[in-house]
């Protein structure tokens, strides 16, 4: 790859400004590519670690992620149940207020009936 880049640089001509700019750009690109390859290798094969430790860590992390997603799902279910219970509570509260109103109305009617019956 380096040889191809060098050939490309030579083909660009003798313009020193263009050559230096292109060389700088290609050099930076090469450095970035080498850095990416190095980081990728480091990610796959970290320095000074045992492959068993890496495998165990990966397994633990996968288990953790699985458990965490299960907890998120369970949390969503609990929130949905809570919302459902709150709707039932609101409905029962409305019914309670209606029954209290009817009770007070019946009590008032009973008092008026008693008062009329005593007058007669």
PDB file of N, CA and C in Angstrom:
ATOM      1  N   UNK A   1       0.823  -1.184   0.000  1.00  0.00           N
ATOM      2  CA  UNK A   1       0.000   0.000   0.000  1.00  0.00           C
ATOM      3  C   UNK A   1       0.871   1.252   0.000  1.00  0.00           C
ATOM      4  N   UNK A   2       1.959   1.222   0.794  1.00  0.00           N
ATOM      5  CA  UNK A   2       2.871   2.356   0.850  1.00  0.00           C
ATOM      6  C   UNK A   2       3.485   2.610  -0.519  1.00  0.00           C
ATOM      7  N   UNK A   3       3.828   1.541  -1.225  1.00  0.00           N
ATOM      8  CA  UNK A   3       4.440   1.676  -2.536  1.00  0.00           C
ATOM      9  C   UNK A   3       3.468   2.335  -3.508  1.00  0.00           C
ATOM     10  N   UNK A   4       2.205   1.956  -3.432  1.00  0.00           N
ATOM     11  CA  UNK A   4       1.190   2.547  -4.301  1.00  0.00           C
ATOM     12  C   UNK A   4       1.034   4.024  -4.007  1.00  0.00           C
ATOM     13  N   UNK A   5       1.052   4.387  -2.723  1.00  0.00           N
ATOM     14  CA  UNK A   5       0.939   5.796  -2.349  1.00  0.00           C
ATOM     15  C   UNK A   5       2.150   6.581  -2.823  1.00  0.00           C
ATOM     16  N   UNK A   6       3.314   6.001  -2.691  1.00  0.00           N
ATOM     17  CA  UNK A   6       4.540   6.686  -3.128  1.00  0.00           C
ATOM     18  C   UNK A   6       4.514   6.883  -4.636  1.00  0.00           C
ATOM     19  N   UNK A   7       4.052   5.886  -5.364  1.00  0.00           N
ATOM     20  CA  UNK A   7       3.949   5.991  -6.819  1.00  0.00           C
ATOM     21  C   UNK A   7       2.961   7.090  -7.194  1.00  0.00           C
ATOM     22  N   UNK A   8       1.863   7.150  -6.478  1.00  0.00           N
ATOM     23  CA  UNK A   8       0.865   8.181  -6.727  1.00  0.00           C
ATOM     24  C   UNK A   8       1.436   9.561  -6.466  1.00  0.00           C
ATOM     25  N   UNK A   9       2.235   9.679  -5.415  1.00  0.00           N
ATOM     26  CA  UNK A   9       2.874  10.956  -5.104  1.00  0.00           C
ATOM     27  C   UNK A   9       3.852  11.361  -6.204  1.00  0.00           C
ATOM     28  N   UNK A  10       4.621  10.431  -6.697  1.00  0.00           N
ATOM     29  CA  UNK A  10       5.582  10.719  -7.761  1.00  0.00           C
ATOM     30  C   UNK A  10       4.883  11.140  -9.035  1.00  0.00           C
ATOM     31  N   UNK A  11       3.719  10.572  -9.318  1.00  0.00           N
ATOM     32  CA  UNK A  11       2.978  10.876 -10.536  1.00  0.00           C
ATOM     33  C   UNK A  11       2.335  12.256 -10.504  1.00  0.00           C
ATOM     34  N   UNK A  12       2.214  12.853  -9.352  1.00  0.00           N
ATOM     35  CA  UNK A  12       1.523  14.136  -9.238  1.00  0.00           C
ATOM     36  C   UNK A  12       2.311  15.282  -9.876  1.00  0.00           C
ATOM     37  N   UNK A  13       3.564  15.108 -10.067  1.00  0.00           N
ATOM     38  CA  UNK A  13       4.331  16.147 -10.746  1.00  0.00           C
ATOM     39  C   UNK A  13       5.383  16.732  -9.842  1.00  0.00           C
ATOM     40  N   UNK A  14       5.998  17.796 -10.330  1.00  0.00           N
ATOM     41  CA  UNK A  14       7.117  18.377  -9.603  1.00  0.00           C
ATOM     42  C   UNK A  14       6.720  19.580  -8.777  1.00  0.00           C
ATOM     43  N   UNK A  15       5.473  19.919  -8.758  1.00  0.00           N
ATOM     44  CA  UNK A  15       5.032  21.071  -7.968  1.00  0.00           C
ATOM     45  C   UNK A  15       5.282  20.780  -6.492  1.00  0.00           C
ATOM     46  N   UNK A  16       6.213  21.481  -5.912  1.00  0.00           N
ATOM     47  CA  UNK A  16       6.638  21.178  -4.538  1.00  0.00           C
ATOM     48  C   UNK A  16       5.546  21.444  -3.523  1.00  0.00           C
ATOM     49  N   UNK A  17       4.753  22.479  -3.752  1.00  0.00           N
ATOM     50  CA  UNK A  17       3.664  22.779  -2.813  1.00  0.00           C
ATOM     51  C   UNK A  17       2.650  21.660  -2.818  1.00  0.00           C
ATOM     52  N   UNK A  18       2.266  21.221  -4.008  1.00  0.00           N
ATOM     53  CA  UNK A  18       1.309  20.122  -4.157  1.00  0.00           C
ATOM     54  C   UNK A  18       1.905  18.844  -3.589  1.00  0.00           C
ATOM     55  N   UNK A  19       3.171  18.602  -3.895  1.00  0.00           N
ATOM     56  CA  UNK A  19       3.836  17.402  -3.387  1.00  0.00           C
ATOM     57  C   UNK A  19       3.874  17.391  -1.871  1.00  0.00           C
ATOM     58  N   UNK A  20       4.242  18.498  -1.278  1.00  0.00           N
ATOM     59  CA  UNK A  20       4.368  18.520   0.184  1.00  0.00           C
ATOM     60  C   UNK A  20       2.992  18.378   0.838  1.00  0.00           C
ATOM     61  N   UNK A  21       1.981  19.027   0.244  1.00  0.00           N
ATOM     62  CA  UNK A  21       0.627  18.931   0.793  1.00  0.00           C
ATOM     63  C   UNK A  21       0.120  17.501   0.675  1.00  0.00           C
ATOM     64  N   UNK A  22       0.295  16.897  -0.486  1.00  0.00           N
ATOM     65  CA  UNK A  22      -0.161  15.523  -0.701  1.00  0.00           C
ATOM     66  C   UNK A  22       0.598  14.550   0.192  1.00  0.00           C
ATOM     67  N   UNK A  23       1.882  14.776   0.327  1.00  0.00           N
ATOM     68  CA  UNK A  23       2.686  13.909   1.186  1.00  0.00           C
ATOM     69  C   UNK A  23       2.194  14.001   2.621  1.00  0.00           C
ATOM     70  N   UNK A  24       1.930  15.222   3.057  1.00  0.00           N
ATOM     71  CA  UNK A  24       1.434  15.432   4.423  1.00  0.00           C
ATOM     72  C   UNK A  24       0.088  14.737   4.608  1.00  0.00           C
ATOM     73  N   UNK A  25      -0.829  14.928   3.635  1.00  0.00           N
ATOM     74  CA  UNK A  25      -2.152  14.312   3.730  1.00  0.00           C
ATOM     75  C   UNK A  25      -2.059  12.797   3.737  1.00  0.00           C
ATOM     76  N   UNK A  26      -1.253  12.247   2.837  1.00  0.00           N
ATOM     77  CA  UNK A  26      -1.111  10.790   2.781  1.00  0.00           C
ATOM     78  C   UNK A  26      -0.398  10.270   4.024  1.00  0.00           C
ATOM     79  N   UNK A  27       0.554  11.031   4.517  1.00  0.00           N
ATOM     80  CA  UNK A  27       1.247  10.631   5.743  1.00  0.00           C
ATOM     81  C   UNK A  27       0.295  10.603   6.927  1.00  0.00           C
ATOM     82  N   UNK A  28      -0.550  11.625   7.016  1.00  0.00           N
ATOM     83  CA  UNK A  28      -1.549  11.668   8.089  1.00  0.00           C
ATOM     84  C   UNK A  28      -2.534  10.516   7.945  1.00  0.00           C
ATOM     85  N   UNK A  29      -2.934  10.255   6.705  1.00  0.00           N
ATOM     86  CA  UNK A  29      -3.848   9.144   6.455  1.00  0.00           C
ATOM     87  C   UNK A  29      -3.215   7.818   6.855  1.00  0.00           C
ATOM     88  N   UNK A  30      -1.949   7.634   6.509  1.00  0.00           N
ATOM     89  CA  UNK A  30      -1.240   6.405   6.886  1.00  0.00           C
ATOM     90  C   UNK A  30      -1.125   6.277   8.392  1.00  0.00           C
ATOM     91  N   UNK A  31      -0.819   7.400   9.059  1.00  0.00           N
ATOM     92  CA  UNK A  31      -0.713   7.355  10.524  1.00  0.00           C
ATOM     93  C   UNK A  31      -2.053   6.985  11.143  1.00  0.00           C
ATOM     94  N   UNK A  32      -3.145   7.556  10.610  1.00  0.00           N
ATOM     95  CA  UNK A  32      -4.478   7.233  11.129  1.00  0.00           C
ATOM     96  C   UNK A  32      -4.826   5.774  10.878  1.00  0.00           C
ATOM     97  N   UNK A  33      -4.499   5.273   9.686  1.00  0.00           N
ATOM     98  CA  UNK A  33      -4.770   3.864   9.398  1.00  0.00           C
ATOM     99  C   UNK A  33      -3.983   2.946  10.326  1.00  0.00           C
ATOM    100  N   UNK A  34      -2.699   3.260  10.529  1.00  0.00           N
ATOM    101  CA  UNK A  34      -1.873   2.454  11.441  1.00  0.00           C
ATOM    102  C   UNK A  34      -2.404   2.527  12.858  1.00  0.00           C
ATOM    103  N   UNK A  35      -2.844   3.709  13.270  1.00  0.00           N
ATOM    104  CA  UNK A  35      -3.402   3.874  14.625  1.00  0.00           C
ATOM    105  C   UNK A  35      -4.679   3.051  14.775  1.00  0.00           C
ATOM    106  N   UNK A  36      -5.537   3.081  13.743  1.00  0.00           N
ATOM    107  CA  UNK A  36      -6.776   2.291  13.778  1.00  0.00           C
ATOM    108  C   UNK A  36      -6.473   0.803  13.856  1.00  0.00           C
ATOM    109  N   UNK A  37      -5.518   0.350  13.048  1.00  0.00           N
ATOM    110  CA  UNK A  37      -5.149  -1.063  13.084  1.00  0.00           C
ATOM    111  C   UNK A  37      -4.597  -1.439  14.454  1.00  0.00           C
ATOM    112  N   UNK A  38      -3.769  -0.554  15.011  1.00  0.00           N
ATOM    113  CA  UNK A  38      -3.212  -0.819  16.338  1.00  0.00           C
ATOM    114  C   UNK A  38      -4.289  -0.895  17.400  1.00  0.00           C
ATOM    115  N   UNK A  39      -5.255   0.039  17.346  1.00  0.00           N
ATOM    116  CA  UNK A  39      -6.349   0.029  18.323  1.00  0.00           C
ATOM    117  C   UNK A  39      -7.227  -1.201  18.152  1.00  0.00           C
ATOM    118  N   UNK A  40      -7.461  -1.587  16.908  1.00  0.00           N
ATOM    119  CA  UNK A  40      -8.260  -2.787  16.657  1.00  0.00           C
ATOM    120  C   UNK A  40      -7.563  -4.023  17.213  1.00  0.00           C
ATOM    121  N   UNK A  41      -6.257  -4.141  16.950  1.00  0.00           N
ATOM    122  CA  UNK A  41      -5.499  -5.264  17.491  1.00  0.00           C
ATOM    123  C   UNK A  41      -5.489  -5.248  19.014  1.00  0.00           C
ATOM    124  N   UNK A  42      -5.381  -4.050  19.575  1.00  0.00           N
ATOM    125  CA  UNK A  42      -5.373  -3.927  21.032  1.00  0.00           C
ATOM    126  C   UNK A  42      -6.727  -4.323  21.617  1.00  0.00           C
ATOM    127  N   UNK A  43      -7.794  -3.990  20.876  1.00  0.00           N
ATOM    128  CA  UNK A  43      -9.133  -4.357  21.336  1.00  0.00           C
ATOM    129  C   UNK A  43      -9.309  -5.867  21.317  1.00  0.00           C
ATOM    130  N   UNK A  44      -8.862  -6.493  20.244  1.00  0.00           N
ATOM    131  CA  UNK A  44      -9.027  -7.935  20.103  1.00  0.00           C
ATOM    132  C   UNK A  44      -8.055  -8.685  21.015  1.00  0.00           C
ATOM    133  N   UNK A  45      -6.812  -8.248  21.049  1.00  0.00           N
ATOM    134  CA  UNK A  45      -5.783  -8.914  21.840  1.00  0.00           C
ATOM    135  C   UNK A  45      -5.091  -7.901  22.753  1.00  0.00           C
ATOM    136  N   UNK A  46      -5.728  -7.544  23.862  1.00  0.00           N
ATOM    137  CA  UNK A  46      -5.115  -6.553  24.756  1.00  0.00           C
ATOM    138  C   UNK A  46      -3.752  -7.023  25.257  1.00  0.00           C
ATOM    139  N   UNK A  47      -2.892  -6.075  25.482  1.00  0.00           N
ATOM    140  CA  UNK A  47      -1.547  -6.390  25.957  1.00  0.00           C
ATOM    141  C   UNK A  47      -1.604  -6.884  27.397  1.00  0.00           C
ATOM    142  N   UNK A  48      -0.840  -7.926  27.669  1.00  0.00           N
ATOM    143  CA  UNK A  48      -0.678  -8.421  29.035  1.00  0.00           C
ATOM    144  C   UNK A  48      -1.904  -9.080  29.634  1.00  0.00           C
ATOM    145  N   UNK A  49      -2.849  -9.523  28.835  1.00  0.00           N
ATOM    146  CA  UNK A  49      -4.024 -10.195  29.399  1.00  0.00           C
ATOM    147  C   UNK A  49      -4.086 -11.615  28.879  1.00  0.00           C
ATOM    148  N   UNK A  50      -4.693 -12.431  29.660  1.00  0.00           N
ATOM    149  CA  UNK A  50      -4.867 -13.832  29.309  1.00  0.00           C
ATOM    150  C   UNK A  50      -6.183 -13.988  28.564  1.00  0.00           C
ATOM    151  N   UNK A  51      -6.218 -14.828  27.559  1.00  0.00           N
ATOM    152  CA  UNK A  51      -7.427 -14.994  26.759  1.00  0.00           C
ATOM    153  C   UNK A  51      -8.588 -15.528  27.600  1.00  0.00           C
ATOM    154  N   UNK A  52      -8.301 -16.335  28.627  1.00  0.00           N
ATOM    155  CA  UNK A  52      -9.366 -16.835  29.506  1.00  0.00           C
ATOM    156  C   UNK A  52     -10.030 -15.695  30.252  1.00  0.00           C
ATOM    157  N   UNK A  53      -9.230 -14.737  30.686  1.00  0.00           N
ATOM    158  CA  UNK A  53      -9.780 -13.587  31.405  1.00  0.00           C
ATOM    159  C   UNK A  53     -10.674 -12.779  30.470  1.00  0.00           C
ATOM    160  N   UNK A  54     -10.241 -12.619  29.232  1.00  0.00           N
ATOM    161  CA  UNK A  54     -11.028 -11.871  28.259  1.00  0.00           C
ATOM    162  C   UNK A  54     -12.343 -12.586  27.978  1.00  0.00           C
ATOM    163  N   UNK A  55     -12.266 -13.891  27.810  1.00  0.00           N
ATOM    164  CA  UNK A  55     -13.474 -14.676  27.540  1.00  0.00           C
ATOM    165  C   UNK A  55     -14.425 -14.593  28.729  1.00  0.00           C
ATOM    166  N   UNK A  56     -13.882 -14.704  29.942  1.00  0.00           N
ATOM    167  CA  UNK A  56     -14.715 -14.619  31.139  1.00  0.00           C
ATOM    168  C   UNK A  56     -15.353 -13.243  31.266  1.00  0.00           C
ATOM    169  N   UNK A  57     -14.556 -12.208  31.008  1.00  0.00           N
ATOM    170  CA  UNK A  57     -15.087 -10.846  31.076  1.00  0.00           C
ATOM    171  C   UNK A  57     -16.186 -10.642  30.051  1.00  0.00           C
ATOM    172  N   UNK A  58     -15.961 -11.127  28.830  1.00  0.00           N
ATOM    173  CA  UNK A  58     -16.977 -10.997  27.783  1.00  0.00           C
ATOM    174  C   UNK A  58     -18.250 -11.736  28.182  1.00  0.00           C
ATOM    175  N   UNK A  59     -18.101 -12.951  28.737  1.00  0.00           N
ATOM    176  CA  UNK A  59     -19.256 -13.730  29.177  1.00  0.00           C
ATOM    177  C   UNK A  59     -20.000 -13.004  30.293  1.00  0.00           C
ATOM    178  N   UNK A  60     -19.242 -12.456  31.243  1.00  0.00           N
ATOM    179  CA  UNK A  60     -19.858 -11.706  32.340  1.00  0.00           C
ATOM    180  C   UNK A  60     -20.611 -10.480  31.827  1.00  0.00           C
ATOM    181  N   UNK A  61     -20.019  -9.778  30.874  1.00  0.00           N
ATOM    182  CA  UNK A  61     -20.662  -8.587  30.325  1.00  0.00           C
ATOM    183  C   UNK A  61     -21.927  -8.954  29.555  1.00  0.00           C
ATOM    184  N   UNK A  62     -21.882 -10.050  28.808  1.00  0.00           N
ATOM    185  CA  UNK A  62     -23.079 -10.488  28.088  1.00  0.00           C
ATOM    186  C   UNK A  62     -24.178 -10.860  29.074  1.00  0.00           C
ATOM    187  N   UNK A  63     -23.802 -11.546  30.150  1.00  0.00           N
ATOM    188  CA  UNK A  63     -24.776 -11.883  31.188  1.00  0.00           C
ATOM    189  C   UNK A  63     -25.348 -10.638  31.840  1.00  0.00           C
ATOM    190  N   UNK A  64     -24.483  -9.671  32.105  1.00  0.00           N
ATOM    191  CA  UNK A  64     -24.921  -8.418  32.710  1.00  0.00           C
ATOM    192  C   UNK A  64     -25.895  -7.692  31.791  1.00  0.00           C
ATOM    193  N   UNK A  65     -25.576  -7.652  30.501  1.00  0.00           N
ATOM    194  CA  UNK A  65     -26.447  -6.960  29.544  1.00  0.00           C
ATOM    195  C   UNK A  65     -27.793  -7.676  29.440  1.00  0.00           C
ATOM    196  N   UNK A  66     -27.765  -9.000  29.437  1.00  0.00           N
ATOM    197  CA  UNK A  66     -29.001  -9.773  29.392  1.00  0.00           C
ATOM    198  C   UNK A  66     -29.845  -9.505  30.634  1.00  0.00           C
ATOM    199  N   UNK A  67     -29.205  -9.530  31.792  1.00  0.00           N
ATOM    200  CA  UNK A  67     -29.915  -9.270  33.043  1.00  0.00           C
ATOM    201  C   UNK A  67     -30.472  -7.855  33.064  1.00  0.00           C
ATOM    202  N   UNK A  68     -29.692  -6.908  32.597  1.00  0.00           N
ATOM    203  CA  UNK A  68     -30.124  -5.513  32.572  1.00  0.00           C
ATOM    204  C   UNK A  68     -31.318  -5.327  31.647  1.00  0.00           C
ATOM    205  N   UNK A  69     -31.297  -5.958  30.477  1.00  0.00           N
ATOM    206  CA  UNK A  69     -32.441  -5.834  29.569  1.00  0.00           C
ATOM    207  C   UNK A  69     -33.683  -6.488  30.179  1.00  0.00           C
ATOM    208  N   UNK A  70     -33.495  -7.596  30.908  1.00  0.00           N
ATOM    209  CA  UNK A  70     -34.620  -8.214  31.615  1.00  0.00           C
ATOM    210  C   UNK A  70     -35.188  -7.296  32.675  1.00  0.00           C
ATOM    211  N   UNK A  71     -34.309  -6.600  33.389  1.00  0.00           N
ATOM    212  CA  UNK A  71     -34.769  -5.655  34.410  1.00  0.00           C
ATOM    213  C   UNK A  71     -35.511  -4.476  33.782  1.00  0.00           C
ATOM    214  N   UNK A  72     -35.036  -3.996  32.645  1.00  0.00           N
ATOM    215  CA  UNK A  72     -35.735  -2.914  31.950  1.00  0.00           C
ATOM    216  C   UNK A  72     -37.126  -3.363  31.528  1.00  0.00           C
ATOM    217  N   UNK A  73     -37.204  -4.584  30.990  1.00  0.00           N
ATOM    218  CA  UNK A  73     -38.499  -5.125  30.566  1.00  0.00           C
ATOM    219  C   UNK A  73     -39.438  -5.253  31.764  1.00  0.00           C
ATOM    220  N   UNK A  74     -38.914  -5.778  32.876  1.00  0.00           N
ATOM    221  CA  UNK A  74     -39.729  -5.945  34.083  1.00  0.00           C
ATOM    222  C   UNK A  74     -40.183  -4.591  34.619  1.00  0.00           C
ATOM    223  N   UNK A  75     -39.290  -3.601  34.559  1.00  0.00           N
ATOM    224  CA  UNK A  75     -39.638  -2.254  35.009  1.00  0.00           C
ATOM    225  C   UNK A  75     -40.771  -1.689  34.158  1.00  0.00           C
ATOM    226  N   UNK A  76     -40.709  -1.899  32.853  1.00  0.00           N
ATOM    227  CA  UNK A  76     -41.775  -1.424  31.967  1.00  0.00           C
ATOM    228  C   UNK A  76     -43.103  -2.101  32.306  1.00  0.00           C
ATOM    229  N   UNK A  77     -43.047  -3.405  32.598  1.00  0.00           N
ATOM    230  CA  UNK A  77     -44.264  -4.131  32.974  1.00  0.00           C
ATOM    231  C   UNK A  77     -44.839  -3.579  34.269  1.00  0.00           C
ATOM    232  N   UNK A  78     -43.976  -3.307  35.252  1.00  0.00           N
ATOM    233  CA  UNK A  78     -44.442  -2.772  36.529  1.00  0.00           C
ATOM    234  C   UNK A  78     -45.037  -1.375  36.365  1.00  0.00           C
ATOM    235  N   UNK A  79     -44.442  -0.567  35.524  1.00  0.00           N
ATOM    236  CA  UNK A  79     -44.981   0.773  35.288  1.00  0.00           C
ATOM    237  C   UNK A  79     -46.353   0.683  34.629  1.00  0.00           C
ATOM    238  N   UNK A  80     -46.501  -0.244  33.666  1.00  0.00           N
ATOM    239  CA  UNK A  80     -47.798  -0.431  33.005  1.00  0.00           C
ATOM    240  C   UNK A  80     -48.840  -0.910  34.019  1.00  0.00           C
ATOM    241  N   UNK A  81     -48.463  -1.834  34.909  1.00  0.00           N
ATOM    242  CA  UNK A  81     -49.386  -2.325  35.939  1.00  0.00           C
ATOM    243  C   UNK A  81     -49.761  -1.191  36.886  1.00  0.00           C
ATOM    244  N   UNK A  82     -48.795  -0.381  37.255  1.00  0.00           N
ATOM    245  CA  UNK A  82     -49.057   0.752  38.158  1.00  0.00           C
ATOM    246  C   UNK A  82     -50.051   1.717  37.520  1.00  0.00           C
ATOM    247  N   UNK A  83     -49.849   2.018  36.234  1.00  0.00           N
ATOM    248  CA  UNK A  83     -50.775   2.907  35.527  1.00  0.00           C
ATOM    249  C   UNK A  83     -52.182   2.308  35.501  1.00  0.00           C
ATOM    250  N   UNK A  84     -52.253   0.997  35.291  1.00  0.00           N
ATOM    251  CA  UNK A  84     -53.546   0.321  35.288  1.00  0.00           C
ATOM    252  C   UNK A  84     -54.214   0.421  36.661  1.00  0.00           C
ATOM    253  N   UNK A  85     -53.439   0.200  37.720  1.00  0.00           N
ATOM    254  CA  UNK A  85     -53.981   0.293  39.075  1.00  0.00           C
ATOM    255  C   UNK A  85     -54.424   1.716  39.398  1.00  0.00           C
ATOM    256  N   UNK A  86     -53.680   2.700  38.934  1.00  0.00           N
ATOM    257  CA  UNK A  86     -54.065   4.095  39.176  1.00  0.00           C
ATOM    258  C   UNK A  86     -55.380   4.423  38.476  1.00  0.00           C
ATOM    259  N   UNK A  87     -55.584   3.868  37.285  1.00  0.00           N
ATOM    260  CA  UNK A  87     -56.846   4.091  36.573  1.00  0.00           C
ATOM    261  C   UNK A  87     -58.001   3.455  37.348  1.00  0.00           C
ATOM    262  N   UNK A  88     -57.787   2.262  37.890  1.00  0.00           N
ATOM    263  CA  UNK A  88     -58.826   1.592  38.688  1.00  0.00           C
ATOM    264  C   UNK A  88     -59.122   2.402  39.939  1.00  0.00           C
ATOM    265  N   UNK A  89     -58.073   2.912  40.600  1.00  0.00           N
ATOM    266  CA  UNK A  89     -58.258   3.719  41.813  1.00  0.00           C
ATOM    267  C   UNK A  89     -59.067   4.974  41.498  1.00  0.00           C
ATOM    268  N   UNK A  90     -58.757   5.634  40.385  1.00  0.00           N
ATOM    269  CA  UNK A  90     -59.521   6.837  40.006  1.00  0.00           C
ATOM    270  C   UNK A  90     -60.991   6.488  39.763  1.00  0.00           C
ATOM    271  N   UNK A  91     -61.224   5.360  39.098  1.00  0.00           N
ATOM    272  CA  UNK A  91     -62.596   4.937  38.833  1.00  0.00           C
ATOM    273  C   UNK A  91     -63.341   4.641  40.133  1.00  0.00           C
ATOM    274  N   UNK A  92     -62.678   3.928  41.046  1.00  0.00           N
ATOM    275  CA  UNK A  92     -63.308   3.617  42.337  1.00  0.00           C
ATOM    276  C   UNK A  92     -63.544   4.882  43.160  1.00  0.00           C
ATOM    277  N   UNK A  93     -62.618   5.834  43.080  1.00  0.00           N
ATOM    278  CA  UNK A  93     -62.782   7.096  43.798  1.00  0.00           C
ATOM    279  C   UNK A  93     -63.998   7.858  43.259  1.00  0.00           C
ATOM    280  N   UNK A  94     -64.169   7.838  41.942  1.00  0.00           N
ATOM    281  CA  UNK A  94     -65.336   8.486  41.334  1.00  0.00           C
ATOM    282  C   UNK A  94     -66.621   7.805  41.789  1.00  0.00           C
ATOM    283  N   UNK A  95     -66.621   6.475  41.815  1.00  0.00           N
ATOM    284  CA  UNK A  95     -67.800   5.733  42.286  1.00  0.00           C
ATOM    285  C   UNK A  95     -68.091   6.039  43.746  1.00  0.00           C
ATOM    286  N   UNK A  96     -67.024   6.133  44.558  1.00  0.00           N
ATOM    287  CA  UNK A  96     -67.201   6.434  45.977  1.00  0.00           C
ATOM    288  C   UNK A  96     -67.851   7.800  46.165  1.00  0.00           C
ATOM    289  N   UNK A  97     -67.376   8.784  45.416  1.00  0.00           N
ATOM    290  CA  UNK A  97     -67.971  10.121  45.509  1.00  0.00           C
ATOM    291  C   UNK A  97     -69.432  10.096  45.091  1.00  0.00           C
ATOM    292  N   UNK A  98     -69.759   9.322  44.047  1.00  0.00           N
ATOM    293  CA  UNK A  98     -71.148   9.207  43.587  1.00  0.00           C
ATOM    294  C   UNK A  98     -72.018   8.551  44.666  1.00  0.00           C
ATOM    295  N   UNK A  99     -71.518   7.478  45.293  1.00  0.00           N
ATOM    296  CA  UNK A  99     -72.282   6.807  46.345  1.00  0.00           C
ATOM    297  C   UNK A  99     -72.450   7.704  47.567  1.00  0.00           C
ATOM    298  N   UNK A 100     -71.436   8.470  47.904  1.00  0.00           N
ATOM    299  CA  UNK A 100     -71.562   9.417  49.028  1.00  0.00           C
ATOM    300  C   UNK A 100     -72.626  10.460  48.725  1.00  0.00           C
ATOM    301  N   UNK A 101     -72.649  10.958  47.486  1.00  0.00           N
ATOM    302  CA  UNK A 101     -73.657  11.954  47.101  1.00  0.00           C
ATOM    303  C   UNK A 101     -75.066  11.357  47.204  1.00  0.00           C
ATOM    304  N   UNK A 102     -75.212  10.114  46.695  1.00  0.00           N
ATOM    305  CA  UNK A 102     -76.520   9.457  46.769  1.00  0.00           C
ATOM    306  C   UNK A 102     -76.923   9.198  48.212  1.00  0.00           C
ATOM    307  N   UNK A 103     -75.955   8.819  49.066  1.00  0.00           N
ATOM    308  CA  UNK A 103     -76.245   8.571  50.479  1.00  0.00           C
ATOM    309  C   UNK A 103     -76.722   9.848  51.148  1.00  0.00           C
ATOM    310  N   UNK A 104     -76.034  10.958  50.909  1.00  0.00           N
ATOM    311  CA  UNK A 104     -76.437  12.232  51.499  1.00  0.00           C
ATOM    312  C   UNK A 104     -77.816  12.636  51.000  1.00  0.00           C
ATOM    313  N   UNK A 105     -78.079  12.389  49.725  1.00  0.00           N
ATOM    314  CA  UNK A 105     -79.383  12.718  49.151  1.00  0.00           C
ATOM    315  C   UNK A 105     -80.473  11.864  49.798  1.00  0.00           C
ATOM    316  N   UNK A 106     -80.210  10.574  49.987  1.00  0.00           N
ATOM    317  CA  UNK A 106     -81.190   9.674  50.614  1.00  0.00           C
ATOM    318  C   UNK A 106     -81.407  10.072  52.072  1.00  0.00           C
ATOM    319  N   UNK A 107     -80.338  10.449  52.756  1.00  0.00           N
ATOM    320  CA  UNK A 107     -80.449  10.880  54.148  1.00  0.00           C
ATOM    321  C   UNK A 107     -81.317  12.136  54.260  1.00  0.00           C
ATOM    322  N   UNK A 108     -81.130  13.052  53.345  1.00  0.00           N
ATOM    323  CA  UNK A 108     -81.917  14.286  53.352  1.00  0.00           C
ATOM    324  C   UNK A 108     -83.386  13.974  53.080  1.00  0.00           C
ATOM    325  N   UNK A 109     -83.654  13.088  52.130  1.00  0.00           N
ATOM    326  CA  UNK A 109     -85.036  12.699  51.838  1.00  0.00           C
ATOM    327  C   UNK A 109     -85.680  12.018  53.039  1.00  0.00           C
ATOM    328  N   UNK A 110     -84.926  11.162  53.709  1.00  0.00           N
ATOM    329  CA  UNK A 110     -85.447  10.464  54.890  1.00  0.00           C
ATOM    330  C   UNK A 110     -85.802  11.475  55.980  1.00  0.00           C
ATOM    331  N   UNK A 111     -84.964  12.478  56.199  1.00  0.00           N
ATOM    332  CA  UNK A 111     -85.258  13.510  57.200  1.00  0.00           C
ATOM    333  C   UNK A 111     -86.538  14.265  56.835  1.00  0.00           C
ATOM    334  N   UNK A 112     -86.663  14.587  55.561  1.00  0.00           N
ATOM    335  CA  UNK A 112     -87.866  15.343  55.169  1.00  0.00           C
ATOM    336  C   UNK A 112     -89.117  14.482  55.297  1.00  0.00           C
ATOM    337  N   UNK A 113     -89.017  13.179  55.001  1.00  0.00           N
ATOM    338  CA  UNK A 113     -90.153  12.276  55.163  1.00  0.00           C
ATOM    339  C   UNK A 113     -90.517  12.160  56.640  1.00  0.00           C
ATOM    340  N   UNK A 114     -89.547  12.042  57.511  1.00  0.00           N
ATOM    341  CA  UNK A 114     -89.785  11.965  58.962  1.00  0.00           C
ATOM    342  C   UNK A 114     -90.433  13.250  59.465  1.00  0.00           C
ATOM    343  N   UNK A 115     -89.926  14.365  58.970  1.00  0.00           N
ATOM    344  CA  UNK A 115     -90.487  15.646  59.404  1.00  0.00           C
ATOM    345  C   UNK A 115     -91.931  15.775  58.960  1.00  0.00           C
ATOM    346  N   UNK A 116     -92.283  15.364  57.724  1.00  0.00           N
ATOM    347  CA  UNK A 116     -93.661  15.422  57.242  1.00  0.00           C
ATOM    348  C   UNK A 116     -94.554  14.462  58.017  1.00  0.00           C
ATOM    349  N   UNK A 117     -94.023  13.286  58.332  1.00  0.00           N
ATOM    350  CA  UNK A 117     -94.862  12.294  59.034  1.00  0.00           C
ATOM    351  C   UNK A 117     -95.167  12.751  60.453  1.00  0.00           C
ATOM    352  N   UNK A 118     -94.257  13.493  61.084  1.00  0.00           N
ATOM    353  CA  UNK A 118     -94.509  13.990  62.435  1.00  0.00           C
ATOM    354  C   UNK A 118     -95.536  15.125  62.404  1.00  0.00           C
ATOM    355  N   UNK A 119     -95.571  15.859  61.327  1.00  0.00           N
ATOM    356  CA  UNK A 119     -96.531  16.936  61.210  1.00  0.00           C
ATOM    357  C   UNK A 119     -97.948  16.395  61.037  1.00  0.00           C
ATOM    358  N   UNK A 120     -98.068  15.268  60.396  1.00  0.00           N
ATOM    359  CA  UNK A 120     -99.369  14.676  60.155  1.00  0.00           C
ATOM    360  C   UNK A 120     -99.798  13.943  61.371  1.00  0.00           C
TER     361      UNK A 120
END
